[in-house]
Amino acid sequence: MTLTPTVIREYDSSVPPETDTATFGLGCFWGPDARFGALDGVVRTRVGYAGGVENDPSYEHIGDHTEVVQVDYDSESVSFTELVNDAFQQHNPYQQSPKRQYHNIIFTVTLEQEAALTSYLDTNGYNRNKLATRIEPLDRFYVAESYHQKFNLRGKRWITESFDMAGYDEQDIRESPAAAKLNGHVAGHEVNAPALLHQRQP
């Protein structure tokens, strides 16, 4: 059986309709996009820019912003704390990139996320006074250009042609739960999505 438009549409329609959102800066956003997309409980991902004050950043004119990945997740399956733990596994919180574009940042958007992050740091013995990782509330998220979204799918015609046949445009692919899982899979991460992955790949 091959990956078909029907398989993609059915997978995307099967995910929980209500999600929460978390945003992280962890260096170049292609890697975290794939890693988070592969996690159980993560519904969709998108990459973009945040953490600065300048308006309308772009990859060519990023200004004082940082590359970030935004994660929509089902809180019944994975918690904000678990996502934070994974983010901390992806970087050394006592070191910071000299380039603001690649800063490590843990953003919060609610008081509950702020409390969960504080509890995580204290429980795991992190010295908040010595952390290099930035911890701050999310002010605004700017979606990155289409060619940065689901970067690992680029050139995988057995995947991209199926999305084309399903009538998905660039925004649809960016927001597609199926695309998030497939992006993680082709990047080499273990993905629990048999409806998608038990297809014959050319």
N, C-alpha and C. Protein backbone atom coordinates (compact mmCIF):
# COMPACT_ATOMS: atom_id res chain seq x y z
N MET A 1 0.85 -1.19 0.00
CA MET A 1 0.00 0.00 0.00
C MET A 1 0.88 1.24 0.00
N THR A 2 0.57 2.22 -0.82
CA THR A 2 1.36 3.43 -0.91
C THR A 2 0.70 4.56 -0.13
N LEU A 3 1.50 5.58 0.16
CA LEU A 3 0.96 6.78 0.80
C LEU A 3 0.04 7.46 -0.20
N THR A 4 -1.20 7.68 0.21
CA THR A 4 -2.20 8.23 -0.70
C THR A 4 -2.81 9.49 -0.12
N PRO A 5 -3.45 10.30 -0.96
CA PRO A 5 -4.17 11.47 -0.44
C PRO A 5 -5.21 11.09 0.61
N THR A 6 -5.87 9.95 0.43
CA THR A 6 -6.88 9.52 1.39
C THR A 6 -6.26 9.25 2.75
N VAL A 7 -5.11 8.57 2.76
CA VAL A 7 -4.41 8.29 4.03
C VAL A 7 -4.06 9.59 4.74
N ILE A 8 -3.56 10.57 3.99
CA ILE A 8 -3.19 11.85 4.58
C ILE A 8 -4.40 12.56 5.16
N ARG A 9 -5.48 12.64 4.38
CA ARG A 9 -6.68 13.34 4.85
C ARG A 9 -7.28 12.65 6.08
N GLU A 10 -7.31 11.31 6.05
CA GLU A 10 -7.88 10.57 7.18
C GLU A 10 -7.04 10.77 8.44
N TYR A 11 -5.72 10.78 8.29
CA TYR A 11 -4.87 11.00 9.46
C TYR A 11 -5.11 12.41 10.02
N ASP A 12 -5.14 13.40 9.15
CA ASP A 12 -5.31 14.77 9.61
C ASP A 12 -6.66 15.00 10.26
N SER A 13 -7.68 14.27 9.83
CA SER A 13 -9.01 14.44 10.42
C SER A 13 -9.19 13.67 11.72
N SER A 14 -8.21 12.81 12.05
CA SER A 14 -8.34 11.96 13.24
C SER A 14 -7.72 12.57 14.50
N VAL A 15 -7.02 13.68 14.37
CA VAL A 15 -6.30 14.24 15.52
C VAL A 15 -7.26 15.00 16.42
N PRO A 16 -6.91 15.19 17.72
CA PRO A 16 -7.77 15.95 18.63
C PRO A 16 -7.99 17.38 18.12
N PRO A 17 -9.23 17.86 18.19
CA PRO A 17 -9.51 19.21 17.68
C PRO A 17 -8.98 20.32 18.58
N GLU A 18 -8.84 20.06 19.87
CA GLU A 18 -8.38 21.07 20.82
C GLU A 18 -6.93 20.79 21.19
N THR A 19 -6.09 21.81 21.08
CA THR A 19 -4.68 21.66 21.42
C THR A 19 -4.19 22.86 22.22
N ASP A 20 -3.08 22.68 22.91
CA ASP A 20 -2.34 23.76 23.54
C ASP A 20 -1.09 24.02 22.70
N THR A 21 -0.43 25.14 22.97
CA THR A 21 0.72 25.53 22.16
C THR A 21 1.93 25.84 23.02
N ALA A 22 3.08 25.37 22.58
CA ALA A 22 4.36 25.68 23.23
C ALA A 22 5.33 26.16 22.16
N THR A 23 6.25 27.05 22.55
CA THR A 23 7.20 27.63 21.59
C THR A 23 8.60 27.60 22.19
N PHE A 24 9.56 27.14 21.37
CA PHE A 24 10.93 27.00 21.83
C PHE A 24 11.92 27.50 20.78
N GLY A 25 12.98 28.16 21.23
CA GLY A 25 14.12 28.48 20.40
C GLY A 25 15.25 27.53 20.76
N LEU A 26 15.73 26.77 19.78
CA LEU A 26 16.74 25.74 20.05
C LEU A 26 17.74 25.65 18.90
N GLY A 27 18.26 26.78 18.50
CA GLY A 27 19.18 26.80 17.38
C GLY A 27 18.43 26.82 16.06
N CYS A 28 19.05 26.31 15.00
CA CYS A 28 18.38 26.24 13.70
C CYS A 28 17.06 25.49 13.84
N PHE A 29 15.99 26.05 13.34
CA PHE A 29 14.67 25.48 13.63
C PHE A 29 14.32 24.21 12.86
N TRP A 30 15.09 23.82 11.86
CA TRP A 30 14.76 22.61 11.11
C TRP A 30 14.82 21.36 11.99
N GLY A 31 15.87 21.25 12.82
CA GLY A 31 16.03 20.06 13.66
C GLY A 31 14.93 19.92 14.70
N PRO A 32 14.68 20.95 15.52
CA PRO A 32 13.62 20.84 16.51
C PRO A 32 12.24 20.63 15.89
N ASP A 33 12.01 21.18 14.71
CA ASP A 33 10.73 20.98 14.03
C ASP A 33 10.49 19.49 13.80
N ALA A 34 11.51 18.80 13.31
CA ALA A 34 11.39 17.36 13.05
C ALA A 34 11.29 16.57 14.34
N ARG A 35 12.11 16.92 15.32
CA ARG A 35 12.13 16.14 16.57
C ARG A 35 10.81 16.26 17.31
N PHE A 36 10.30 17.47 17.46
CA PHE A 36 9.03 17.63 18.16
C PHE A 36 7.89 17.00 17.37
N GLY A 37 7.93 17.13 16.05
CA GLY A 37 6.86 16.55 15.24
C GLY A 37 6.74 15.05 15.41
N ALA A 38 7.84 14.39 15.75
CA ALA A 38 7.84 12.93 15.91
C ALA A 38 7.26 12.48 17.25
N LEU A 39 7.14 13.37 18.22
CA LEU A 39 6.73 12.98 19.57
C LEU A 39 5.26 12.61 19.64
N ASP A 40 4.95 11.57 20.41
CA ASP A 40 3.56 11.25 20.70
C ASP A 40 2.90 12.44 21.40
N GLY A 41 1.70 12.76 20.99
CA GLY A 41 0.97 13.86 21.61
C GLY A 41 1.13 15.18 20.91
N VAL A 42 2.19 15.32 20.11
CA VAL A 42 2.35 16.54 19.32
C VAL A 42 1.49 16.40 18.07
N VAL A 43 0.63 17.37 17.85
CA VAL A 43 -0.33 17.31 16.75
C VAL A 43 0.22 17.96 15.49
N ARG A 44 0.80 19.14 15.64
CA ARG A 44 1.36 19.84 14.47
C ARG A 44 2.49 20.75 14.93
N THR A 45 3.31 21.15 13.98
CA THR A 45 4.41 22.07 14.25
C THR A 45 4.49 23.11 13.15
N ARG A 46 5.14 24.21 13.48
CA ARG A 46 5.47 25.23 12.47
C ARG A 46 6.70 25.96 12.96
N VAL A 47 7.50 26.49 12.03
CA VAL A 47 8.68 27.24 12.43
C VAL A 47 8.48 28.72 12.12
N GLY A 48 9.21 29.54 12.88
CA GLY A 48 9.06 30.97 12.70
C GLY A 48 10.09 31.75 13.49
N TYR A 49 9.74 32.98 13.81
CA TYR A 49 10.64 33.91 14.48
C TYR A 49 9.94 34.53 15.68
N ALA A 50 10.68 34.70 16.77
CA ALA A 50 10.12 35.29 17.98
C ALA A 50 11.27 35.77 18.87
N GLY A 51 10.90 36.43 19.95
CA GLY A 51 11.90 36.83 20.94
C GLY A 51 12.47 38.21 20.77
N GLY A 52 12.08 38.92 19.71
CA GLY A 52 12.58 40.27 19.48
C GLY A 52 11.45 41.28 19.52
N VAL A 53 11.77 42.52 19.18
CA VAL A 53 10.77 43.58 19.21
C VAL A 53 10.52 44.18 17.83
N GLU A 54 11.38 43.87 16.87
CA GLU A 54 11.19 44.43 15.54
C GLU A 54 10.00 43.75 14.83
N ASN A 55 9.32 44.51 13.99
CA ASN A 55 8.14 44.00 13.30
C ASN A 55 8.51 43.25 12.03
N ASP A 56 7.70 42.24 11.73
CA ASP A 56 7.77 41.51 10.46
C ASP A 56 9.16 41.01 10.10
N PRO A 57 9.78 40.20 10.96
CA PRO A 57 11.09 39.64 10.61
C PRO A 57 10.95 38.63 9.48
N SER A 58 12.04 38.40 8.79
CA SER A 58 12.12 37.37 7.77
C SER A 58 13.48 36.70 7.90
N TYR A 59 13.70 35.63 7.13
CA TYR A 59 14.98 34.95 7.22
C TYR A 59 16.11 35.86 6.76
N GLU A 60 15.84 36.66 5.76
CA GLU A 60 16.87 37.58 5.25
C GLU A 60 17.05 38.81 6.14
N HIS A 61 16.02 39.16 6.87
CA HIS A 61 16.06 40.34 7.75
C HIS A 61 15.45 39.96 9.10
N ILE A 62 16.17 39.10 9.81
CA ILE A 62 15.63 38.56 11.06
C ILE A 62 15.72 39.55 12.21
N GLY A 63 16.58 40.55 12.09
CA GLY A 63 16.69 41.58 13.12
C GLY A 63 17.08 41.00 14.47
N ASP A 64 16.31 41.35 15.51
CA ASP A 64 16.64 40.89 16.86
C ASP A 64 15.83 39.65 17.27
N HIS A 65 15.26 38.97 16.30
CA HIS A 65 14.47 37.77 16.59
C HIS A 65 15.33 36.51 16.53
N THR A 66 14.72 35.40 16.92
CA THR A 66 15.37 34.10 17.00
C THR A 66 14.55 33.08 16.23
N GLU A 67 15.20 32.12 15.60
CA GLU A 67 14.49 31.01 14.97
C GLU A 67 13.85 30.14 16.05
N VAL A 68 12.56 29.86 15.90
CA VAL A 68 11.84 29.07 16.91
C VAL A 68 10.94 28.04 16.23
N VAL A 69 10.56 27.04 17.01
CA VAL A 69 9.55 26.08 16.57
C VAL A 69 8.36 26.20 17.50
N GLN A 70 7.18 26.21 16.90
CA GLN A 70 5.94 26.26 17.68
C GLN A 70 5.25 24.91 17.56
N VAL A 71 4.80 24.40 18.69
CA VAL A 71 4.26 23.05 18.79
C VAL A 71 2.83 23.10 19.30
N ASP A 72 1.90 22.53 18.54
CA ASP A 72 0.54 22.33 19.03
C ASP A 72 0.46 20.91 19.56
N TYR A 73 0.00 20.75 20.79
CA TYR A 73 0.03 19.43 21.42
C TYR A 73 -1.27 19.12 22.15
N ASP A 74 -1.54 17.84 22.26
CA ASP A 74 -2.70 17.33 22.99
C ASP A 74 -2.27 17.12 24.44
N SER A 75 -2.76 17.98 25.32
CA SER A 75 -2.33 17.93 26.72
C SER A 75 -2.81 16.66 27.44
N GLU A 76 -3.73 15.92 26.82
CA GLU A 76 -4.14 14.63 27.39
C GLU A 76 -3.09 13.55 27.13
N SER A 77 -2.23 13.79 26.16
CA SER A 77 -1.23 12.80 25.77
C SER A 77 0.19 13.18 26.15
N VAL A 78 0.49 14.48 26.13
CA VAL A 78 1.83 14.94 26.49
C VAL A 78 1.68 16.28 27.20
N SER A 79 2.45 16.49 28.25
CA SER A 79 2.33 17.71 29.04
C SER A 79 3.35 18.76 28.59
N PHE A 80 3.11 19.99 28.98
CA PHE A 80 4.07 21.05 28.72
C PHE A 80 5.41 20.71 29.38
N THR A 81 5.36 20.15 30.58
CA THR A 81 6.59 19.78 31.28
C THR A 81 7.39 18.75 30.49
N GLU A 82 6.71 17.78 29.88
CA GLU A 82 7.41 16.78 29.08
C GLU A 82 8.06 17.42 27.85
N LEU A 83 7.38 18.39 27.25
CA LEU A 83 7.95 19.09 26.11
C LEU A 83 9.16 19.91 26.54
N VAL A 84 9.06 20.56 27.69
CA VAL A 84 10.19 21.32 28.22
C VAL A 84 11.37 20.39 28.47
N ASN A 85 11.10 19.22 29.03
CA ASN A 85 12.17 18.27 29.29
C ASN A 85 12.86 17.88 27.99
N ASP A 86 12.09 17.65 26.94
CA ASP A 86 12.69 17.31 25.66
C ASP A 86 13.52 18.48 25.12
N ALA A 87 13.01 19.70 25.30
CA ALA A 87 13.77 20.88 24.85
C ALA A 87 15.10 20.97 25.58
N PHE A 88 15.12 20.67 26.86
CA PHE A 88 16.36 20.73 27.62
C PHE A 88 17.32 19.61 27.22
N GLN A 89 16.78 18.51 26.71
CA GLN A 89 17.66 17.44 26.22
C GLN A 89 18.33 17.83 24.91
N GLN A 90 17.79 18.83 24.23
CA GLN A 90 18.31 19.22 22.92
C GLN A 90 19.40 20.30 22.99
N HIS A 91 19.69 20.80 24.19
CA HIS A 91 20.71 21.85 24.27
C HIS A 91 21.33 21.89 25.67
N ASN A 92 22.44 22.59 25.79
CA ASN A 92 23.09 22.82 27.08
C ASN A 92 22.57 24.14 27.63
N PRO A 93 21.76 24.11 28.69
CA PRO A 93 21.14 25.34 29.18
C PRO A 93 22.11 26.32 29.83
N TYR A 94 23.36 25.92 30.02
CA TYR A 94 24.35 26.82 30.60
C TYR A 94 25.26 27.45 29.54
N GLN A 95 24.93 27.19 28.27
CA GLN A 95 25.65 27.81 27.18
C GLN A 95 24.65 28.46 26.23
N GLN A 96 25.05 29.57 25.63
CA GLN A 96 24.17 30.28 24.71
C GLN A 96 24.93 30.59 23.43
N SER A 97 24.24 30.48 22.32
CA SER A 97 24.85 30.82 21.04
C SER A 97 25.21 32.30 21.00
N PRO A 98 26.36 32.65 20.43
CA PRO A 98 26.70 34.07 20.31
C PRO A 98 25.79 34.80 19.31
N LYS A 99 25.12 34.02 18.44
CA LYS A 99 24.23 34.63 17.47
C LYS A 99 22.80 34.60 17.98
N ARG A 100 22.19 35.77 18.08
CA ARG A 100 20.82 35.84 18.59
C ARG A 100 19.85 35.01 17.74
N GLN A 101 20.13 34.88 16.48
CA GLN A 101 19.28 34.10 15.58
C GLN A 101 19.11 32.67 16.08
N TYR A 102 20.13 32.13 16.76
CA TYR A 102 20.11 30.74 17.19
C TYR A 102 20.05 30.60 18.72
N HIS A 103 19.54 31.59 19.40
CA HIS A 103 19.46 31.53 20.86
C HIS A 103 18.58 30.37 21.33
N ASN A 104 18.90 29.89 22.53
CA ASN A 104 18.05 28.93 23.22
C ASN A 104 17.07 29.72 24.09
N ILE A 105 15.78 29.50 23.84
CA ILE A 105 14.75 30.22 24.58
C ILE A 105 13.60 29.26 24.90
N ILE A 106 13.14 29.31 26.13
CA ILE A 106 11.91 28.62 26.52
C ILE A 106 10.85 29.69 26.74
N PHE A 107 9.83 29.68 25.91
CA PHE A 107 8.76 30.66 26.03
C PHE A 107 7.59 30.10 26.84
N THR A 108 6.88 30.97 27.51
CA THR A 108 5.62 30.60 28.16
C THR A 108 4.52 31.52 27.68
N VAL A 109 3.29 31.00 27.65
CA VAL A 109 2.17 31.81 27.19
C VAL A 109 1.05 31.89 28.22
N THR A 110 1.12 31.09 29.28
CA THR A 110 0.11 31.12 30.34
C THR A 110 0.79 31.05 31.69
N LEU A 111 0.06 31.41 32.72
CA LEU A 111 0.58 31.28 34.08
C LEU A 111 0.84 29.83 34.43
N GLU A 112 0.03 28.92 33.88
CA GLU A 112 0.22 27.50 34.13
C GLU A 112 1.54 27.01 33.53
N GLN A 113 1.86 27.47 32.33
CA GLN A 113 3.13 27.08 31.74
C GLN A 113 4.30 27.68 32.51
N GLU A 114 4.15 28.90 32.96
CA GLU A 114 5.22 29.53 33.75
C GLU A 114 5.46 28.75 35.04
N ALA A 115 4.38 28.33 35.71
CA ALA A 115 4.51 27.57 36.95
C ALA A 115 5.12 26.19 36.68
N ALA A 116 4.70 25.56 35.58
CA ALA A 116 5.24 24.25 35.23
C ALA A 116 6.73 24.33 34.92
N LEU A 117 7.15 25.39 34.25
CA LEU A 117 8.56 25.56 33.93
C LEU A 117 9.38 25.78 35.19
N THR A 118 8.89 26.63 36.08
CA THR A 118 9.59 26.88 37.34
C THR A 118 9.74 25.59 38.14
N SER A 119 8.65 24.81 38.20
CA SER A 119 8.69 23.55 38.92
C SER A 119 9.68 22.59 38.29
N TYR A 120 9.72 22.54 36.96
CA TYR A 120 10.65 21.66 36.27
C TYR A 120 12.09 22.03 36.60
N LEU A 121 12.41 23.31 36.53
CA LEU A 121 13.78 23.75 36.81
C LEU A 121 14.19 23.41 38.24
N ASP A 122 13.29 23.67 39.19
CA ASP A 122 13.60 23.40 40.59
C ASP A 122 13.73 21.90 40.86
N THR A 123 12.81 21.12 40.30
CA THR A 123 12.82 19.68 40.53
C THR A 123 14.07 19.03 39.98
N ASN A 124 14.57 19.56 38.86
CA ASN A 124 15.73 18.96 38.21
C ASN A 124 17.05 19.63 38.58
N GLY A 125 17.02 20.53 39.56
CA GLY A 125 18.23 21.10 40.11
C GLY A 125 18.93 22.13 39.25
N TYR A 126 18.19 22.76 38.34
CA TYR A 126 18.80 23.81 37.53
C TYR A 126 18.93 25.10 38.34
N ASN A 127 20.07 25.71 38.26
CA ASN A 127 20.31 26.98 38.93
C ASN A 127 19.82 28.10 38.01
N ARG A 128 18.66 28.65 38.35
CA ARG A 128 18.06 29.65 37.46
C ARG A 128 18.90 30.91 37.34
N ASN A 129 19.73 31.18 38.34
CA ASN A 129 20.59 32.37 38.27
C ASN A 129 21.76 32.19 37.32
N LYS A 130 22.07 30.95 36.98
CA LYS A 130 23.21 30.68 36.10
C LYS A 130 22.81 30.19 34.72
N LEU A 131 21.52 30.01 34.48
CA LEU A 131 21.06 29.54 33.18
C LEU A 131 21.41 30.55 32.09
N ALA A 132 21.95 30.05 31.00
CA ALA A 132 22.17 30.90 29.83
C ALA A 132 20.93 30.92 28.94
N THR A 133 20.16 29.85 28.98
CA THR A 133 18.92 29.78 28.21
C THR A 133 17.98 30.89 28.64
N ARG A 134 17.45 31.60 27.68
CA ARG A 134 16.49 32.66 27.97
C ARG A 134 15.14 32.06 28.32
N ILE A 135 14.51 32.61 29.33
CA ILE A 135 13.16 32.19 29.74
C ILE A 135 12.30 33.44 29.77
N GLU A 136 11.28 33.47 28.94
CA GLU A 136 10.49 34.69 28.83
C GLU A 136 9.11 34.41 28.26
N PRO A 137 8.17 35.29 28.52
CA PRO A 137 6.84 35.13 27.94
C PRO A 137 6.88 35.39 26.44
N LEU A 138 6.04 34.69 25.71
CA LEU A 138 5.98 34.89 24.26
C LEU A 138 5.14 36.13 23.98
N ASP A 139 5.75 37.06 23.28
CA ASP A 139 5.03 38.27 22.90
C ASP A 139 4.31 38.07 21.58
N ARG A 140 5.07 37.65 20.56
CA ARG A 140 4.48 37.44 19.25
C ARG A 140 5.31 36.44 18.48
N PHE A 141 4.60 35.63 17.69
CA PHE A 141 5.24 34.62 16.84
C PHE A 141 4.98 34.98 15.38
N TYR A 142 6.05 35.01 14.59
CA TYR A 142 5.94 35.30 13.16
C TYR A 142 6.25 34.02 12.38
N VAL A 143 5.34 33.58 11.55
CA VAL A 143 5.53 32.37 10.77
C VAL A 143 6.65 32.57 9.75
N ALA A 144 7.54 31.58 9.66
CA ALA A 144 8.65 31.66 8.70
C ALA A 144 8.17 31.33 7.28
N GLU A 145 9.04 31.58 6.34
CA GLU A 145 8.74 31.35 4.94
C GLU A 145 8.42 29.88 4.67
N SER A 146 7.64 29.65 3.62
CA SER A 146 7.17 28.30 3.30
C SER A 146 8.32 27.32 3.10
N TYR A 147 9.43 27.78 2.52
CA TYR A 147 10.52 26.85 2.22
C TYR A 147 11.25 26.38 3.47
N HIS A 148 10.96 26.96 4.63
CA HIS A 148 11.53 26.49 5.89
C HIS A 148 10.61 25.49 6.60
N GLN A 149 9.35 25.44 6.21
CA GLN A 149 8.39 24.58 6.90
C GLN A 149 8.56 23.13 6.44
N LYS A 150 8.61 22.19 7.42
CA LYS A 150 8.76 20.77 7.12
C LYS A 150 9.91 20.54 6.15
N PHE A 151 11.06 21.09 6.52
CA PHE A 151 12.21 21.14 5.61
C PHE A 151 12.65 19.75 5.16
N ASN A 152 12.54 18.76 6.03
CA ASN A 152 13.03 17.43 5.68
C ASN A 152 12.18 16.74 4.61
N LEU A 153 10.99 17.24 4.37
CA LEU A 153 10.14 16.66 3.33
C LEU A 153 10.55 17.12 1.94
N ARG A 154 11.31 18.22 1.87
CA ARG A 154 11.71 18.75 0.56
C ARG A 154 12.52 17.70 -0.20
N GLY A 155 12.12 17.44 -1.42
CA GLY A 155 12.82 16.47 -2.24
C GLY A 155 12.32 15.04 -2.06
N LYS A 156 11.42 14.78 -1.08
CA LYS A 156 10.86 13.44 -0.89
C LYS A 156 9.58 13.35 -1.71
N ARG A 157 9.74 13.02 -2.99
CA ARG A 157 8.59 13.11 -3.90
C ARG A 157 7.48 12.14 -3.55
N TRP A 158 7.82 10.98 -2.96
CA TRP A 158 6.78 10.03 -2.59
C TRP A 158 5.86 10.61 -1.52
N ILE A 159 6.33 11.63 -0.80
CA ILE A 159 5.50 12.32 0.18
C ILE A 159 4.86 13.56 -0.43
N THR A 160 5.66 14.42 -1.03
CA THR A 160 5.15 15.70 -1.50
C THR A 160 4.11 15.52 -2.61
N GLU A 161 4.28 14.51 -3.47
CA GLU A 161 3.30 14.30 -4.52
C GLU A 161 1.95 13.88 -3.95
N SER A 162 1.98 13.14 -2.83
CA SER A 162 0.71 12.73 -2.21
C SER A 162 -0.02 13.94 -1.62
N PHE A 163 0.73 14.87 -1.04
CA PHE A 163 0.09 16.10 -0.55
C PHE A 163 -0.44 16.94 -1.71
N ASP A 164 0.30 16.97 -2.81
CA ASP A 164 -0.17 17.70 -3.99
C ASP A 164 -1.48 17.11 -4.50
N MET A 165 -1.54 15.79 -4.58
CA MET A 165 -2.75 15.13 -5.07
C MET A 165 -3.92 15.31 -4.12
N ALA A 166 -3.60 15.51 -2.82
CA ALA A 166 -4.65 15.75 -1.84
C ALA A 166 -5.16 17.19 -1.89
N GLY A 167 -4.52 18.02 -2.72
CA GLY A 167 -4.95 19.41 -2.84
C GLY A 167 -4.42 20.32 -1.75
N TYR A 168 -3.35 19.90 -1.07
CA TYR A 168 -2.77 20.70 -0.01
C TYR A 168 -1.87 21.78 -0.61
N ASP A 169 -2.05 23.03 -0.12
CA ASP A 169 -1.11 24.08 -0.50
C ASP A 169 -0.03 24.18 0.59
N GLU A 170 0.87 25.16 0.45
CA GLU A 170 1.99 25.28 1.39
C GLU A 170 1.50 25.47 2.84
N GLN A 171 0.47 26.27 3.03
CA GLN A 171 -0.06 26.48 4.38
C GLN A 171 -0.68 25.21 4.93
N ASP A 172 -1.40 24.47 4.09
CA ASP A 172 -1.99 23.21 4.53
C ASP A 172 -0.92 22.23 4.99
N ILE A 173 0.18 22.15 4.24
CA ILE A 173 1.26 21.24 4.62
C ILE A 173 1.89 21.69 5.93
N ARG A 174 2.09 22.99 6.08
CA ARG A 174 2.66 23.52 7.33
C ARG A 174 1.82 23.11 8.53
N GLU A 175 0.50 23.13 8.41
CA GLU A 175 -0.39 22.86 9.53
C GLU A 175 -0.84 21.41 9.60
N SER A 176 -0.37 20.58 8.70
CA SER A 176 -0.82 19.19 8.64
C SER A 176 -0.18 18.31 9.70
N PRO A 177 -0.98 17.63 10.53
CA PRO A 177 -0.40 16.66 11.47
C PRO A 177 0.35 15.53 10.76
N ALA A 178 -0.16 15.10 9.60
CA ALA A 178 0.54 14.05 8.85
C ALA A 178 1.91 14.53 8.41
N ALA A 179 2.00 15.77 7.94
CA ALA A 179 3.29 16.32 7.51
C ALA A 179 4.26 16.40 8.67
N ALA A 180 3.78 16.74 9.87
CA ALA A 180 4.66 16.82 11.05
C ALA A 180 5.26 15.46 11.36
N LYS A 181 4.44 14.41 11.31
CA LYS A 181 4.94 13.06 11.61
C LYS A 181 5.90 12.58 10.52
N LEU A 182 5.54 12.80 9.27
CA LEU A 182 6.40 12.36 8.17
C LEU A 182 7.72 13.12 8.17
N ASN A 183 7.67 14.39 8.51
CA ASN A 183 8.89 15.20 8.60
C ASN A 183 9.83 14.64 9.67
N GLY A 184 9.27 14.24 10.79
CA GLY A 184 10.08 13.62 11.84
C GLY A 184 10.63 12.27 11.41
N HIS A 185 9.82 11.51 10.70
CA HIS A 185 10.23 10.18 10.25
C HIS A 185 11.40 10.24 9.29
N VAL A 186 11.30 11.09 8.27
CA VAL A 186 12.38 11.13 7.27
C VAL A 186 13.65 11.77 7.84
N ALA A 187 13.51 12.48 8.98
CA ALA A 187 14.69 13.03 9.64
C ALA A 187 15.37 12.00 10.53
N GLY A 188 14.78 10.81 10.65
CA GLY A 188 15.42 9.73 11.39
C GLY A 188 14.90 9.52 12.79
N HIS A 189 13.80 10.19 13.16
CA HIS A 189 13.24 10.02 14.49
C HIS A 189 12.20 8.89 14.50
N GLU A 190 12.09 8.23 15.63
CA GLU A 190 11.08 7.18 15.78
C GLU A 190 9.70 7.83 15.88
N VAL A 191 8.78 7.40 15.06
CA VAL A 191 7.45 7.98 14.99
C VAL A 191 6.41 6.89 15.16
N ASN A 192 5.47 7.12 16.07
CA ASN A 192 4.39 6.17 16.29
C ASN A 192 3.16 6.65 15.51
N ALA A 193 3.17 6.36 14.21
CA ALA A 193 2.05 6.75 13.35
C ALA A 193 1.86 5.66 12.29
N PRO A 194 1.41 4.47 12.70
CA PRO A 194 1.32 3.36 11.76
C PRO A 194 0.41 3.62 10.57
N ALA A 195 -0.61 4.44 10.74
CA ALA A 195 -1.51 4.74 9.63
C ALA A 195 -0.75 5.40 8.49
N LEU A 196 0.30 6.12 8.81
CA LEU A 196 1.11 6.79 7.79
C LEU A 196 2.30 5.97 7.36
N LEU A 197 2.95 5.32 8.34
CA LEU A 197 4.26 4.73 8.07
C LEU A 197 4.21 3.29 7.61
N HIS A 198 3.04 2.65 7.75
CA HIS A 198 2.92 1.27 7.24
C HIS A 198 2.48 1.30 5.79
N GLN A 199 3.05 2.26 5.08
CA GLN A 199 2.81 2.36 3.64
C GLN A 199 4.09 1.93 2.92
N ARG A 200 3.94 1.49 1.72
CA ARG A 200 5.12 1.12 0.94
C ARG A 200 5.78 2.39 0.40
N GLN A 201 7.06 2.54 0.68
CA GLN A 201 7.81 3.69 0.18
C GLN A 201 8.55 3.27 -1.09
N PRO A 202 8.49 4.09 -2.14
CA PRO A 202 9.20 3.75 -3.38
C PRO A 202 10.69 3.62 -3.14
